mmCIF file of all heavy atoms, coordinates in Angstrom:
data_MODEL
# 
_entry.id   MODEL 
# 
loop_
_atom_site.group_PDB 
_atom_site.id 
_atom_site.type_symbol 
_atom_site.label_atom_id 
_atom_site.label_alt_id 
_atom_site.label_comp_id 
_atom_site.label_asym_id 
_atom_site.label_entity_id 
_atom_site.label_seq_id 
_atom_site.pdbx_PDB_ins_code 
_atom_site.Cartn_x 
_atom_site.Cartn_y 
_atom_site.Cartn_z 
_atom_site.occupancy 
_atom_site.B_iso_or_equiv 
_atom_site.pdbx_formal_charge 
_atom_site.auth_seq_id 
_atom_site.auth_comp_id 
_atom_site.auth_asym_id 
_atom_site.auth_atom_id 
_atom_site.pdbx_PDB_model_num 
ATOM 1   N N   . ARG A 1 1  ? 66.138 212.244 -5.848  1.00 0.00 ? 1  ARG A N   1 
ATOM 2   C CA  . ARG A 1 1  ? 65.173 213.069 -6.576  1.00 0.00 ? 1  ARG A CA  1 
ATOM 3   C C   . ARG A 1 1  ? 64.362 212.203 -7.538  1.00 0.00 ? 1  ARG A C   1 
ATOM 4   O O   . ARG A 1 1  ? 63.150 212.371 -7.677  1.00 0.00 ? 1  ARG A O   1 
ATOM 5   C CB  . ARG A 1 1  ? 65.882 214.185 -7.336  1.00 0.00 ? 1  ARG A CB  1 
ATOM 6   C CG  . ARG A 1 1  ? 66.331 215.310 -6.428  1.00 0.00 ? 1  ARG A CG  1 
ATOM 7   C CD  . ARG A 1 1  ? 66.779 216.533 -7.249  1.00 0.00 ? 1  ARG A CD  1 
ATOM 8   N NE  . ARG A 1 1  ? 68.030 216.286 -7.949  1.00 0.00 ? 1  ARG A NE  1 
ATOM 9   C CZ  . ARG A 1 1  ? 69.237 216.474 -7.439  1.00 0.00 ? 1  ARG A CZ  1 
ATOM 10  N NH1 . ARG A 1 1  ? 69.348 216.942 -6.204  1.00 0.00 ? 1  ARG A NH1 1 
ATOM 11  N NH2 . ARG A 1 1  ? 70.338 216.222 -8.151  1.00 0.00 ? 1  ARG A NH2 1 
ATOM 12  N N   . SER A 1 2  ? 65.020 211.255 -8.183  1.00 0.00 ? 2  SER A N   1 
ATOM 13  C CA  . SER A 1 2  ? 64.317 210.358 -9.123  1.00 0.00 ? 2  SER A CA  1 
ATOM 14  C C   . SER A 1 2  ? 63.276 209.507 -8.379  1.00 0.00 ? 2  SER A C   1 
ATOM 15  O O   . SER A 1 2  ? 62.145 209.301 -8.882  1.00 0.00 ? 2  SER A O   1 
ATOM 16  C CB  . SER A 1 2  ? 65.332 209.465 -9.808  1.00 0.00 ? 2  SER A CB  1 
ATOM 17  O OG  . SER A 1 2  ? 64.697 208.525 -10.654 1.00 0.00 ? 2  SER A OG  1 
ATOM 18  N N   . HIS A 1 3  ? 63.647 209.014 -7.215  1.00 0.00 ? 3  HIS A N   1 
ATOM 19  C CA  . HIS A 1 3  ? 62.731 208.198 -6.397  1.00 0.00 ? 3  HIS A CA  1 
ATOM 20  C C   . HIS A 1 3  ? 61.519 209.019 -6.005  1.00 0.00 ? 3  HIS A C   1 
ATOM 21  O O   . HIS A 1 3  ? 60.348 208.554 -6.158  1.00 0.00 ? 3  HIS A O   1 
ATOM 22  C CB  . HIS A 1 3  ? 63.492 207.722 -5.154  1.00 0.00 ? 3  HIS A CB  1 
ATOM 23  C CG  . HIS A 1 3  ? 62.681 206.833 -4.252  1.00 0.00 ? 3  HIS A CG  1 
ATOM 24  N ND1 . HIS A 1 3  ? 62.386 205.527 -4.547  1.00 0.00 ? 3  HIS A ND1 1 
ATOM 25  C CD2 . HIS A 1 3  ? 62.120 207.089 -3.052  1.00 0.00 ? 3  HIS A CD2 1 
ATOM 26  C CE1 . HIS A 1 3  ? 61.667 205.008 -3.570  1.00 0.00 ? 3  HIS A CE1 1 
ATOM 27  N NE2 . HIS A 1 3  ? 61.500 205.930 -2.637  1.00 0.00 ? 3  HIS A NE2 1 
ATOM 28  N N   . LEU A 1 4  ? 61.717 210.238 -5.526  1.00 0.00 ? 4  LEU A N   1 
ATOM 29  C CA  . LEU A 1 4  ? 60.609 211.098 -5.145  1.00 0.00 ? 4  LEU A CA  1 
ATOM 30  C C   . LEU A 1 4  ? 59.741 211.449 -6.359  1.00 0.00 ? 4  LEU A C   1 
ATOM 31  O O   . LEU A 1 4  ? 58.516 211.516 -6.235  1.00 0.00 ? 4  LEU A O   1 
ATOM 32  C CB  . LEU A 1 4  ? 61.123 212.372 -4.453  1.00 0.00 ? 4  LEU A CB  1 
ATOM 33  C CG  . LEU A 1 4  ? 61.790 212.116 -3.094  1.00 0.00 ? 4  LEU A CG  1 
ATOM 34  C CD1 . LEU A 1 4  ? 62.461 213.399 -2.593  1.00 0.00 ? 4  LEU A CD1 1 
ATOM 35  C CD2 . LEU A 1 4  ? 60.805 211.597 -2.079  1.00 0.00 ? 4  LEU A CD2 1 
ATOM 36  N N   . ALA A 1 5  ? 60.362 211.657 -7.524  1.00 0.00 ? 5  ALA A N   1 
ATOM 37  C CA  . ALA A 1 5  ? 59.615 211.960 -8.734  1.00 0.00 ? 5  ALA A CA  1 
ATOM 38  C C   . ALA A 1 5  ? 58.743 210.795 -9.143  1.00 0.00 ? 5  ALA A C   1 
ATOM 39  O O   . ALA A 1 5  ? 57.632 210.973 -9.636  1.00 0.00 ? 5  ALA A O   1 
ATOM 40  C CB  . ALA A 1 5  ? 60.570 212.363 -9.871  1.00 0.00 ? 5  ALA A CB  1 
ATOM 41  N N   . THR A 1 6  ? 59.253 209.562 -8.924  1.00 0.00 ? 6  THR A N   1 
ATOM 42  C CA  . THR A 1 6  ? 58.469 208.379 -9.268  1.00 0.00 ? 6  THR A CA  1 
ATOM 43  C C   . THR A 1 6  ? 57.240 208.279 -8.391  1.00 0.00 ? 6  THR A C   1 
ATOM 44  O O   . THR A 1 6  ? 56.136 207.983 -8.865  1.00 0.00 ? 6  THR A O   1 
ATOM 45  C CB  . THR A 1 6  ? 59.352 207.107 -9.069  1.00 0.00 ? 6  THR A CB  1 
ATOM 46  O OG1 . THR A 1 6  ? 60.464 207.195 -9.969  1.00 0.00 ? 6  THR A OG1 1 
ATOM 47  C CG2 . THR A 1 6  ? 58.533 205.852 -9.368  1.00 0.00 ? 6  THR A CG2 1 
ATOM 48  N N   . ILE A 1 7  ? 57.401 208.553 -7.093  1.00 0.00 ? 7  ILE A N   1 
ATOM 49  C CA  . ILE A 1 7  ? 56.243 208.546 -6.191  1.00 0.00 ? 7  ILE A CA  1 
ATOM 50  C C   . ILE A 1 7  ? 55.202 209.551 -6.652  1.00 0.00 ? 7  ILE A C   1 
ATOM 51  O O   . ILE A 1 7  ? 54.012 209.245 -6.732  1.00 0.00 ? 7  ILE A O   1 
ATOM 52  C CB  . ILE A 1 7  ? 56.691 208.818 -4.735  1.00 0.00 ? 7  ILE A CB  1 
ATOM 53  C CG1 . ILE A 1 7  ? 57.602 207.721 -4.211  1.00 0.00 ? 7  ILE A CG1 1 
ATOM 54  C CG2 . ILE A 1 7  ? 55.498 209.035 -3.809  1.00 0.00 ? 7  ILE A CG2 1 
ATOM 55  C CD1 . ILE A 1 7  ? 58.331 208.074 -2.927  1.00 0.00 ? 7  ILE A CD1 1 
ATOM 56  N N   . GLU A 1 8  ? 55.663 210.733 -6.998  1.00 0.00 ? 8  GLU A N   1 
ATOM 57  C CA  . GLU A 1 8  ? 54.757 211.797 -7.451  1.00 0.00 ? 8  GLU A CA  1 
ATOM 58  C C   . GLU A 1 8  ? 54.072 211.401 -8.742  1.00 0.00 ? 8  GLU A C   1 
ATOM 59  O O   . GLU A 1 8  ? 52.874 211.636 -8.950  1.00 0.00 ? 8  GLU A O   1 
ATOM 60  C CB  . GLU A 1 8  ? 55.503 213.089 -7.616  1.00 0.00 ? 8  GLU A CB  1 
ATOM 61  C CG  . GLU A 1 8  ? 54.660 214.246 -8.115  1.00 0.00 ? 8  GLU A CG  1 
ATOM 62  C CD  . GLU A 1 8  ? 53.448 214.538 -7.226  1.00 0.00 ? 8  GLU A CD  1 
ATOM 63  O OE1 . GLU A 1 8  ? 53.459 214.250 -5.999  1.00 0.00 ? 8  GLU A OE1 1 
ATOM 64  O OE2 . GLU A 1 8  ? 52.438 215.088 -7.771  1.00 0.00 ? 8  GLU A OE2 1 
ATOM 65  N N   . GLN A 1 9  ? 54.798 210.790 -9.695  1.00 0.00 ? 9  GLN A N   1 
ATOM 66  C CA  . GLN A 1 9  ? 54.203 210.394 -10.966 1.00 0.00 ? 9  GLN A CA  1 
ATOM 67  C C   . GLN A 1 9  ? 53.149 209.327 -10.770 1.00 0.00 ? 9  GLN A C   1 
ATOM 68  O O   . GLN A 1 9  ? 52.076 209.384 -11.398 1.00 0.00 ? 9  GLN A O   1 
ATOM 69  C CB  . GLN A 1 9  ? 55.290 209.902 -11.945 1.00 0.00 ? 9  GLN A CB  1 
ATOM 70  C CG  . GLN A 1 9  ? 54.716 209.598 -13.309 1.00 0.00 ? 9  GLN A CG  1 
ATOM 71  C CD  . GLN A 1 9  ? 55.815 209.330 -14.317 1.00 0.00 ? 9  GLN A CD  1 
ATOM 72  O OE1 . GLN A 1 9  ? 56.974 209.286 -14.007 1.00 0.00 ? 9  GLN A OE1 1 
ATOM 73  N NE2 . GLN A 1 9  ? 55.402 209.109 -15.544 1.00 0.00 ? 9  GLN A NE2 1 
ATOM 74  N N   . VAL A 1 10 ? 53.393 208.348 -9.941  1.00 0.00 ? 10 VAL A N   1 
ATOM 75  C CA  . VAL A 1 10 ? 52.404 207.314 -9.653  1.00 0.00 ? 10 VAL A CA  1 
ATOM 76  C C   . VAL A 1 10 ? 51.149 207.946 -9.045  1.00 0.00 ? 10 VAL A C   1 
ATOM 77  O O   . VAL A 1 10 ? 50.021 207.651 -9.415  1.00 0.00 ? 10 VAL A O   1 
ATOM 78  C CB  . VAL A 1 10 ? 52.977 206.190 -8.746  1.00 0.00 ? 10 VAL A CB  1 
ATOM 79  C CG1 . VAL A 1 10 ? 51.887 205.281 -8.220  1.00 0.00 ? 10 VAL A CG1 1 
ATOM 80  C CG2 . VAL A 1 10 ? 54.031 205.406 -9.502  1.00 0.00 ? 10 VAL A CG2 1 
ATOM 81  N N   . ARG A 1 11 ? 51.361 208.865 -8.085  1.00 0.00 ? 11 ARG A N   1 
ATOM 82  C CA  . ARG A 1 11 ? 50.238 209.545 -7.440  1.00 0.00 ? 11 ARG A CA  1 
ATOM 83  C C   . ARG A 1 11 ? 49.416 210.297 -8.511  1.00 0.00 ? 11 ARG A C   1 
ATOM 84  O O   . ARG A 1 11 ? 48.190 210.239 -8.520  1.00 0.00 ? 11 ARG A O   1 
ATOM 85  C CB  . ARG A 1 11 ? 50.776 210.511 -6.385  1.00 0.00 ? 11 ARG A CB  1 
ATOM 86  C CG  . ARG A 1 11 ? 49.645 211.166 -5.578  1.00 0.00 ? 11 ARG A CG  1 
ATOM 87  C CD  . ARG A 1 11 ? 50.085 212.450 -4.886  1.00 0.00 ? 11 ARG A CD  1 
ATOM 88  N NE  . ARG A 1 11 ? 50.438 213.508 -5.840  1.00 0.00 ? 11 ARG A NE  1 
ATOM 89  C CZ  . ARG A 1 11 ? 49.600 214.237 -6.561  1.00 0.00 ? 11 ARG A CZ  1 
ATOM 90  N NH1 . ARG A 1 11 ? 48.297 214.029 -6.467  1.00 0.00 ? 11 ARG A NH1 1 
ATOM 91  N NH2 . ARG A 1 11 ? 50.008 215.176 -7.369  1.00 0.00 ? 11 ARG A NH2 1 
ATOM 92  N N   . ARG A 1 12 ? 50.097 211.013 -9.389  1.00 0.00 ? 12 ARG A N   1 
ATOM 93  C CA  . ARG A 1 12 ? 49.432 211.805 -10.409 1.00 0.00 ? 12 ARG A CA  1 
ATOM 94  C C   . ARG A 1 12 ? 48.637 210.922 -11.383 1.00 0.00 ? 12 ARG A C   1 
ATOM 95  O O   . ARG A 1 12 ? 47.484 211.248 -11.718 1.00 0.00 ? 12 ARG A O   1 
ATOM 96  C CB  . ARG A 1 12 ? 50.468 212.599 -11.206 1.00 0.00 ? 12 ARG A CB  1 
ATOM 97  C CG  . ARG A 1 12 ? 49.905 213.737 -12.002 1.00 0.00 ? 12 ARG A CG  1 
ATOM 98  C CD  . ARG A 1 12 ? 50.972 214.651 -12.626 1.00 0.00 ? 12 ARG A CD  1 
ATOM 99  N NE  . ARG A 1 12 ? 52.141 214.837 -11.792 1.00 0.00 ? 12 ARG A NE  1 
ATOM 100 C CZ  . ARG A 1 12 ? 53.401 214.453 -12.133 1.00 0.00 ? 12 ARG A CZ  1 
ATOM 101 N NH1 . ARG A 1 12 ? 53.639 213.858 -13.277 1.00 0.00 ? 12 ARG A NH1 1 
ATOM 102 N NH2 . ARG A 1 12 ? 54.405 214.677 -11.302 1.00 0.00 ? 12 ARG A NH2 1 
ATOM 103 N N   . ILE A 1 13 ? 49.217 209.791 -11.802 1.00 0.00 ? 13 ILE A N   1 
ATOM 104 C CA  . ILE A 1 13 ? 48.515 208.896 -12.707 1.00 0.00 ? 13 ILE A CA  1 
ATOM 105 C C   . ILE A 1 13 ? 47.270 208.328 -12.050 1.00 0.00 ? 13 ILE A C   1 
ATOM 106 O O   . ILE A 1 13 ? 46.194 208.287 -12.675 1.00 0.00 ? 13 ILE A O   1 
ATOM 107 C CB  . ILE A 1 13 ? 49.453 207.745 -13.184 1.00 0.00 ? 13 ILE A CB  1 
ATOM 108 C CG1 . ILE A 1 13 ? 50.533 208.326 -14.114 1.00 0.00 ? 13 ILE A CG1 1 
ATOM 109 C CG2 . ILE A 1 13 ? 48.678 206.645 -13.838 1.00 0.00 ? 13 ILE A CG2 1 
ATOM 110 C CD1 . ILE A 1 13 ? 51.650 207.367 -14.407 1.00 0.00 ? 13 ILE A CD1 1 
ATOM 111 N N   . LEU A 1 14 ? 47.393 207.869 -10.814 1.00 0.00 ? 14 LEU A N   1 
ATOM 112 C CA  . LEU A 1 14 ? 46.207 207.322 -10.139 1.00 0.00 ? 14 LEU A CA  1 
ATOM 113 C C   . LEU A 1 14 ? 45.119 208.368 -9.998  1.00 0.00 ? 14 LEU A C   1 
ATOM 114 O O   . LEU A 1 14 ? 43.955 208.112 -10.233 1.00 0.00 ? 14 LEU A O   1 
ATOM 115 C CB  . LEU A 1 14 ? 46.617 206.780 -8.770  1.00 0.00 ? 14 LEU A CB  1 
ATOM 116 C CG  . LEU A 1 14 ? 47.494 205.532 -8.787  1.00 0.00 ? 14 LEU A CG  1 
ATOM 117 C CD1 . LEU A 1 14 ? 48.014 205.195 -7.411  1.00 0.00 ? 14 LEU A CD1 1 
ATOM 118 C CD2 . LEU A 1 14 ? 46.740 204.329 -9.399  1.00 0.00 ? 14 LEU A CD2 1 
ATOM 119 N N   . LYS A 1 15 ? 45.509 209.576 -9.664  1.00 0.00 ? 15 LYS A N   1 
ATOM 120 C CA  . LYS A 1 15 ? 44.550 210.681 -9.524  1.00 0.00 ? 15 LYS A CA  1 
ATOM 121 C C   . LYS A 1 15 ? 43.886 210.974 -10.870 1.00 0.00 ? 15 LYS A C   1 
ATOM 122 O O   . LYS A 1 15 ? 42.668 211.097 -10.930 1.00 0.00 ? 15 LYS A O   1 
ATOM 123 C CB  . LYS A 1 15 ? 45.259 211.943 -8.984  1.00 0.00 ? 15 LYS A CB  1 
ATOM 124 C CG  . LYS A 1 15 ? 44.305 213.091 -8.761  1.00 0.00 ? 15 LYS A CG  1 
ATOM 125 C CD  . LYS A 1 15 ? 45.028 214.279 -8.187  1.00 0.00 ? 15 LYS A CD  1 
ATOM 126 C CE  . LYS A 1 15 ? 44.055 215.414 -8.018  1.00 0.00 ? 15 LYS A CE  1 
ATOM 127 N NZ  . LYS A 1 15 ? 44.722 216.662 -7.619  1.00 0.00 ? 15 LYS A NZ  1 
ATOM 128 N N   . ASP A 1 16 ? 44.681 211.077 -11.912 1.00 0.00 ? 16 ASP A N   1 
ATOM 129 C CA  . ASP A 1 16 ? 44.145 211.365 -13.251 1.00 0.00 ? 16 ASP A CA  1 
ATOM 130 C C   . ASP A 1 16 ? 43.192 210.283 -13.741 1.00 0.00 ? 16 ASP A C   1 
ATOM 131 O O   . ASP A 1 16 ? 42.249 210.579 -14.472 1.00 0.00 ? 16 ASP A O   1 
ATOM 132 C CB  . ASP A 1 16 ? 45.284 211.535 -14.270 1.00 0.00 ? 16 ASP A CB  1 
ATOM 133 C CG  . ASP A 1 16 ? 46.071 212.805 -14.074 1.00 0.00 ? 16 ASP A CG  1 
ATOM 134 O OD1 . ASP A 1 16 ? 45.656 213.687 -13.289 1.00 0.00 ? 16 ASP A OD1 1 
ATOM 135 O OD2 . ASP A 1 16 ? 47.157 212.947 -14.719 1.00 0.00 ? 16 ASP A OD2 1 
ATOM 136 N N   . GLU A 1 17 ? 43.462 209.035 -13.345 1.00 0.00 ? 17 GLU A N   1 
ATOM 137 C CA  . GLU A 1 17 ? 42.608 207.922 -13.741 1.00 0.00 ? 17 GLU A CA  1 
ATOM 138 C C   . GLU A 1 17 ? 41.401 207.772 -12.827 1.00 0.00 ? 17 GLU A C   1 
ATOM 139 O O   . GLU A 1 17 ? 40.562 206.889 -13.042 1.00 0.00 ? 17 GLU A O   1 
ATOM 140 C CB  . GLU A 1 17 ? 43.425 206.614 -13.751 1.00 0.00 ? 17 GLU A CB  1 
ATOM 141 C CG  . GLU A 1 17 ? 44.460 206.570 -14.825 1.00 0.00 ? 17 GLU A CG  1 
ATOM 142 C CD  . GLU A 1 17 ? 43.902 206.634 -16.247 1.00 0.00 ? 17 GLU A CD  1 
ATOM 143 O OE1 . GLU A 1 17 ? 42.828 206.005 -16.475 1.00 0.00 ? 17 GLU A OE1 1 
ATOM 144 O OE2 . GLU A 1 17 ? 44.495 207.289 -17.106 1.00 0.00 ? 17 GLU A OE2 1 
ATOM 145 N N   . GLY A 1 18 ? 41.313 208.584 -11.781 1.00 0.00 ? 18 GLY A N   1 
ATOM 146 C CA  . GLY A 1 18 ? 40.163 208.539 -10.904 1.00 0.00 ? 18 GLY A CA  1 
ATOM 147 C C   . GLY A 1 18 ? 40.200 207.342 -9.967  1.00 0.00 ? 18 GLY A C   1 
ATOM 148 O O   . GLY A 1 18 ? 39.132 206.925 -9.482  1.00 0.00 ? 18 GLY A O   1 
ATOM 149 N N   . VAL A 1 19 ? 41.382 206.814 -9.702  1.00 0.00 ? 19 VAL A N   1 
ATOM 150 C CA  . VAL A 1 19 ? 41.503 205.647 -8.807  1.00 0.00 ? 19 VAL A CA  1 
ATOM 151 C C   . VAL A 1 19 ? 41.751 206.146 -7.391  1.00 0.00 ? 19 VAL A C   1 
ATOM 152 O O   . VAL A 1 19 ? 42.661 206.966 -7.157  1.00 0.00 ? 19 VAL A O   1 
ATOM 153 C CB  . VAL A 1 19 ? 42.680 204.745 -9.276  1.00 0.00 ? 19 VAL A CB  1 
ATOM 154 C CG1 . VAL A 1 19 ? 42.878 203.595 -8.294  1.00 0.00 ? 19 VAL A CG1 1 
ATOM 155 C CG2 . VAL A 1 19 ? 42.426 204.219 -10.679 1.00 0.00 ? 19 VAL A CG2 1 
ATOM 156 N N   . SER A 1 20 ? 40.998 205.672 -6.472  1.00 0.00 ? 20 SER A N   1 
ATOM 157 C CA  . SER A 1 20 ? 41.188 205.975 -5.066  1.00 0.00 ? 20 SER A CA  1 
ATOM 158 C C   . SER A 1 20 ? 42.487 205.310 -4.611  1.00 0.00 ? 20 SER A C   1 
ATOM 159 O O   . SER A 1 20 ? 42.750 204.156 -4.963  1.00 0.00 ? 20 SER A O   1 
ATOM 160 C CB  . SER A 1 20 ? 40.018 205.465 -4.245  1.00 0.00 ? 20 SER A CB  1 
ATOM 161 O OG  . SER A 1 20 ? 40.282 205.573 -2.877  1.00 0.00 ? 20 SER A OG  1 
ATOM 162 N N   . TYR A 1 21 ? 43.310 206.026 -3.883  1.00 0.00 ? 21 TYR A N   1 
ATOM 163 C CA  . TYR A 1 21 ? 44.594 205.457 -3.457  1.00 0.00 ? 21 TYR A CA  1 
ATOM 164 C C   . TYR A 1 21 ? 44.990 205.985 -2.080  1.00 0.00 ? 21 TYR A C   1 
ATOM 165 O O   . TYR A 1 21 ? 44.507 207.010 -1.624  1.00 0.00 ? 21 TYR A O   1 
ATOM 166 C CB  . TYR A 1 21 ? 45.696 205.733 -4.454  1.00 0.00 ? 21 TYR A CB  1 
ATOM 167 C CG  . TYR A 1 21 ? 46.033 207.203 -4.578  1.00 0.00 ? 21 TYR A CG  1 
ATOM 168 C CD1 . TYR A 1 21 ? 47.042 207.775 -3.814  1.00 0.00 ? 21 TYR A CD1 1 
ATOM 169 C CD2 . TYR A 1 21 ? 45.319 208.041 -5.426  1.00 0.00 ? 21 TYR A CD2 1 
ATOM 170 C CE1 . TYR A 1 21 ? 47.342 209.122 -3.903  1.00 0.00 ? 21 TYR A CE1 1 
ATOM 171 C CE2 . TYR A 1 21 ? 45.609 209.376 -5.535  1.00 0.00 ? 21 TYR A CE2 1 
ATOM 172 C CZ  . TYR A 1 21 ? 46.612 209.928 -4.776  1.00 0.00 ? 21 TYR A CZ  1 
ATOM 173 O OH  . TYR A 1 21 ? 46.897 211.237 -4.855  1.00 0.00 ? 21 TYR A OH  1 
ATOM 174 N N   . ARG A 1 22 ? 45.918 205.249 -1.496  1.00 0.00 ? 22 ARG A N   1 
ATOM 175 C CA  . ARG A 1 22 ? 46.512 205.656 -0.232  1.00 0.00 ? 22 ARG A CA  1 
ATOM 176 C C   . ARG A 1 22 ? 48.002 205.375 -0.360  1.00 0.00 ? 22 ARG A C   1 
ATOM 177 O O   . ARG A 1 22 ? 48.407 204.318 -0.848  1.00 0.00 ? 22 ARG A O   1 
ATOM 178 C CB  . ARG A 1 22 ? 45.913 204.886 0.927   1.00 0.00 ? 22 ARG A CB  1 
ATOM 179 C CG  . ARG A 1 22 ? 46.396 205.313 2.287   1.00 0.00 ? 22 ARG A CG  1 
ATOM 180 C CD  . ARG A 1 22 ? 45.603 204.698 3.393   1.00 0.00 ? 22 ARG A CD  1 
ATOM 181 N NE  . ARG A 1 22 ? 45.438 203.290 3.233   1.00 0.00 ? 22 ARG A NE  1 
ATOM 182 C CZ  . ARG A 1 22 ? 45.473 202.402 4.228   1.00 0.00 ? 22 ARG A CZ  1 
ATOM 183 N NH1 . ARG A 1 22 ? 45.661 202.800 5.461   1.00 0.00 ? 22 ARG A NH1 1 
ATOM 184 N NH2 . ARG A 1 22 ? 45.315 201.126 4.005   1.00 0.00 ? 22 ARG A NH2 1 
ATOM 185 N N   . ILE A 1 23 ? 48.838 206.307 0.093   1.00 0.00 ? 23 ILE A N   1 
ATOM 186 C CA  . ILE A 1 23 ? 50.279 206.127 0.050   1.00 0.00 ? 23 ILE A CA  1 
ATOM 187 C C   . ILE A 1 23 ? 50.767 205.858 1.470   1.00 0.00 ? 23 ILE A C   1 
ATOM 188 O O   . ILE A 1 23 ? 50.468 206.619 2.384   1.00 0.00 ? 23 ILE A O   1 
ATOM 189 C CB  . ILE A 1 23 ? 50.975 207.381 -0.562  1.00 0.00 ? 23 ILE A CB  1 
ATOM 190 C CG1 . ILE A 1 23 ? 50.459 207.606 -1.983  1.00 0.00 ? 23 ILE A CG1 1 
ATOM 191 C CG2 . ILE A 1 23 ? 52.484 207.236 -0.539  1.00 0.00 ? 23 ILE A CG2 1 
ATOM 192 C CD1 . ILE A 1 23 ? 51.028 208.849 -2.662  1.00 0.00 ? 23 ILE A CD1 1 
ATOM 193 N N   . ILE A 1 24 ? 51.521 204.773 1.606   1.00 0.00 ? 24 ILE A N   1 
ATOM 194 C CA  . ILE A 1 24 ? 51.980 204.351 2.928   1.00 0.00 ? 24 ILE A CA  1 
ATOM 195 C C   . ILE A 1 24 ? 53.462 204.130 2.916   1.00 0.00 ? 24 ILE A C   1 
ATOM 196 O O   . ILE A 1 24 ? 54.020 203.435 2.045   1.00 0.00 ? 24 ILE A O   1 
ATOM 197 C CB  . ILE A 1 24 ? 51.289 203.019 3.386   1.00 0.00 ? 24 ILE A CB  1 
ATOM 198 C CG1 . ILE A 1 24 ? 49.773 203.160 3.351   1.00 0.00 ? 24 ILE A CG1 1 
ATOM 199 C CG2 . ILE A 1 24 ? 51.805 202.588 4.745   1.00 0.00 ? 24 ILE A CG2 1 
ATOM 200 C CD1 . ILE A 1 24 ? 49.055 201.860 3.610   1.00 0.00 ? 24 ILE A CD1 1 
ATOM 201 N N   . LEU A 1 25 ? 54.157 204.684 3.876   1.00 0.00 ? 25 LEU A N   1 
ATOM 202 C CA  . LEU A 1 25 ? 55.578 204.456 4.069   1.00 0.00 ? 25 LEU A CA  1 
ATOM 203 C C   . LEU A 1 25 ? 55.797 202.986 4.448   1.00 0.00 ? 25 LEU A C   1 
ATOM 204 O O   . LEU A 1 25 ? 55.059 202.417 5.253   1.00 0.00 ? 25 LEU A O   1 
ATOM 205 C CB  . LEU A 1 25 ? 56.097 205.341 5.210   1.00 0.00 ? 25 LEU A CB  1 
ATOM 206 C CG  . LEU A 1 25 ? 57.568 205.239 5.576   1.00 0.00 ? 25 LEU A CG  1 
ATOM 207 C CD1 . LEU A 1 25 ? 58.453 205.621 4.405   1.00 0.00 ? 25 LEU A CD1 1 
ATOM 208 C CD2 . LEU A 1 25 ? 57.846 206.163 6.768   1.00 0.00 ? 25 LEU A CD2 1 
# 
């Protein structure tokens, strides 16, 4: 759960900062 929350938090920060991103397994 902590690992998944970390992924979500990084995604949220990048989005909030207006940074284009792609998440890859």
